[in-house]
Amino acid sequence: MAASEVAVSLAIVRLHDLLSKSKNIITSQNLTDQISSSISDLQSIQNVLEDGHNQEAQEGRERPQVCPHNVEKIAEVVASLDHTSFLVYHLLRDQMSESQGGRFAKVFALVRLLPVMSGAHARKKMAKTEVGLFRSKVASLWVASLRPPANDGMPDNKRASSSSLSKRNRENTRQRVESDIVGRDVYVRKLLAWLIDDHDSSLRVMSVVGEKACGKTALVRSVFSKRETKHHFHCRAWVRVPYLGAESDRMKNLLVDILKQTPLRDQAKDMEHKQEEQLFEMLNKLLMGLRYLIVLDNLCQGRLVHELLVPFMDWMNGSRVIVTTTNAEMQKFADPWTPYLRLPLDMTDEECKKLLRVSITGDDNSKSEMTIPEQRILSNNRSPPAISLLGGLLFAVEESNWVALIDRLGERPNLDDVMRLSFDELPYLMKPCVLYMAFFPKESEVPTRRLFRLWAAEGLSAQAADGSAQMRSAEDCFRELESRNFIHAVRRKPDGSAGSCRMPAFLHEFVHKKAEEFGLLQISYNSDSVSEKESRGKDPVAKQSAQNQQKQVENTATGHCGYKVRCLQSFASFDTRKLGTQARKIECFFESPILDGCLHLLRVVDLEGVYKPVLPENFGNILCNLRYLGLRWTVLYSIPESVGNLLLLETLDLKHTNITKVTSAIWNAKYLRHLYLSEASFDESIRRHISSGKSLNTTLETLWGLFINTEKSPMISVLEKLQSLKKLGMTCRPEAVEAVTKSISNLTGLESLRLRSRDLFGQPADLNLRDMIWLESLSNLYLLGSFQLKQDLKLSSLFPHLKALTLSMSELEHGPMEDLGRLTDLTLLRLLARSCACTSWHCEKNSFPKLRILKLWMLEKWENWEVNNGAMDHLQELEIRHCTNLKKVEGLNNINSLKSVSLTGVTEDLAETIKVPKDTLVKKKELMSKVKYIIIVIIVINEKATLLFYQKKKSNFTLP
């Protein structure tokens, strides 16, 4: 039943995508009407499948029966959608290509390219026929096999849960991250006390031992991420030890992973090409003298411990190594003089109650009496993962349905039963979103930016501009999955939204198995070693390279990894090693016989982090349905010109590459919403594109990394036409700033702006903002360059709704604190190098009412700072770096919300005299000693030996 639900869900999102792309281009009303009718019937089938799954626990209602024969027919009908989609997408491409040409191009096509036009006409006819056949299959399946559901096809309990969940999601203000674990407080304190023990300076290794899915990794990650830990250790590294791979490769990969997390990682070049002994030596040198913390997660083989501990020299400075394992004998191999920490599978009554309450409400309301359903949950399963998932499930539904849900678990359910119920209770359009997490390697941290774009490219979530009532936005979908504890936020942005996320390891294994059962996932491993092949079924921690939708893998003797792809939807590589052969592997993959002509349905190519992948020159011609092309961090210098032919492209990510020129043909992609560059400009063909009268993309929401070289650049006139822009990041020459700011002033929907002015040598330059009209919707602003405002203008009046502000090299002559303190919505403020030229700051009472993070860097002229009582009363983090002349800071002790203060490169006197609240952590680094006199002795040897004493007064002197 679950496989049918997922299959129908995927068919619905595919048809939604077809309809949204074709309704404004394909003129055949009959075609779009049939697609709409098919969506309606499939939604009815989906609701009946859900009804049959959920109503068995409801009294007085007969459960609908779906016989196995009909389940098979559902799978066949859904599978036939692939060919239908192929024809419709080709028809869409034909009509889009036709609309790109002018009058002469059409005449030329009529005379010279008649066979091509005939082929397009034939495809149009075939597409109509195929859509009609698919519509008939869906209609007959619905009428013959299933009864129509009540309440417009939506079960009562689902309707109630969706509405109530939306309301509670808006009201729920919890901002937890995965390191905020609940219910293991005693073990957290024990582990933290062992890590930060000033009386034991020797290198120690501790094993955290426990059964699978008992919360070992979550416990260690919680301590690893605490502020006290970050402040105490100079270097922290976390590596997960995989089961797969040859031992030599595994050891080398672990060393590389650790090296990439060291403070001097930039000095470690071409690590993949070095031998294991060289990596050991390199790591030893980089850790020399540092107090480090290394976590070896999931290390279960004792014989590997000694080899892994070789480079961790004991510098007698309190360094620590933590090993998480299921092997209780591990401590004997690691450090027999240090007791290990055993974590029980079940929690105590108080811990269970606390975790359940936090999972349901987001608050620790453990003092109140427990309800009967809560008591039943805790009597059935007391493991942290099970309680967390059940709490998230109860949060998602009305309280009146709790008993029915718990009844479905039966007596003494195990973790698999809880995961199965939690997955089955997801709204059907969200199940593919959860299964998509199997696309990423286990325990990997996934940027939400990347995840949201991939969900949208696959059609699993609605684009903000679509206005689709049937589909949820990626942000809403993520928030619901987070509230159900399927996904955890790893870090949060200053505005509270998730910046990156991770799926717990036990859930990833469950979802990975589901995705493979449903035929949604195929993994290609890095090597074909015998040891690896033998262990493929044991642990899915592998580099994943392809996700296939709807029965995409057929085991045939193709001679390439033993599989053949039937209809590839997504392709990704997570192999980021700098190997010479890796780049060519990507090119060979697209030309491989395993694809067997299935590239026409490929929607996602994600190569983020792959070192210099080689793309075929005809890349843009063979991937007619591509929606997402991710080349971030690939260090590429160019991309094929044919990328401009990707007419359905929605996201092009070239950030952190060496690409400085982009083909203007990319503007032909009418659905392009997100374009990320690395200070790149468009080639000269942009002028011809504009002069030809072609309509520009009007759906672009993100344009990041654009470079404007001159005030005569045609992109300046293009900017003001991009009325859908919400996020803009650009760099320009000083002479172009005035024209650029005038264009930006017309973007009334702009929410985030980064504007930098650089001269020919790349140095910050003047930023002329005198005539700029600021935007009411702007909430995030980053300015690089010197500027002065008119006397009658204030920063707070120009952009009153700012939530995040960063100024660098601004050289403001008047103290900014008095003015910026009036920004009532500001939560993040960063004043960087030479942003302010004044010596004294004063923060008045009630200023900065919502400020939480304040960073002050390299302000050379700043000497005094006074904070009145009642100012910054929500400040949590303060960081002061290299403000060498700062002498006095007063009033911080009145800010009770202050959690951490970081002082780097300031005088020792300031660090010793600064007063903060009692529980505030203060981190001090690279302090400058106050020296009144330096006596320099110069011995001059001449005909006579002369001894000269020189005495000089000096205020600041940095000790080595």
Foldseek 3Di string as FASTA:
>chain_A
DLLLLLLLLLLLLLLVVLLLLPVVFPPDPLLSVLSVLLNLLSLQVNLLVLQLVQCVLPPPDDRDDFDPVLSVLSLVLSVLVLVLSLLSLLLSLVRLVVQLDDPVVVVCCVVPVVVVVVVSVVSVVVNSVSSVVSSVSSVCSSVVGHDGDPPSSHDPQRVQLVVVLVVLLVVADFQDFLLPDFLPVVVLVVVLCLQPPPVFLWEEEAEEAEDPQQCSVSSVVNNCPDPVNVQQFQFEAEDEQDPFDDPLVSLLVVLLRRLCRAPVSVVDPQSVPDHSVVSLVVLLVSCVPTQYEYEYEADEDQVCQVVNCSSVDIPSGRHYYYYYYNDPCNCVSHPVVDYYHYRYQFGDPQSLLQLLCCLQRVDRPSVDDDDPLSVLQCVQGGRNVLSNLLSLVCNSTDPVCSVSLSVVQPHNHDPVSSLVSSLSPDDSLLNVLLLCLLQDFAPDKFFLVVSQLVCVLSSSADDPVSPDPVGHHSQVSVSSCVSSVQKGANDADLVSGGGIIHGHRVSSVVSNVVQVVSQFADADADDDDPRNVVCCVPDVRGWGFFTAPSNFWDQDPQVHSRIAGRATAETETPDQNPDPVQQVVVQCVVVGCSPVLNLQNHAYYAYANHANHDHDLCNLVSNQRYAYDHCHNRQDQDDHLSVLSNQQYAEDAAHNYNHAEDEPSVQSNQNHAEYEHALHEYDPCVVVSVVVVDDGRQRHAYDANHEAEALPDPVLVVLLNNLNYAEYEYEYEQRNQVSNLVSVLNNQNHAEYEYFYAHPVRHGEARECAPHQAYANHAYYHYTHAYDYDPVDAPCVRHLRHQEYEYYLHQYEDANQVRQQNNANHAYYEYEANRYQDAEEEHDASGNVRHAEYEYYRRARHAEYEYDQRGPLQYAEYEYEQNARHDYYDDQQNNPNHAEYEYYNYAPNHVVPDDHHDNHHYRYYQHWYFDQKDKDWDWDDDVDTDTDIDIDGDGTDGDD
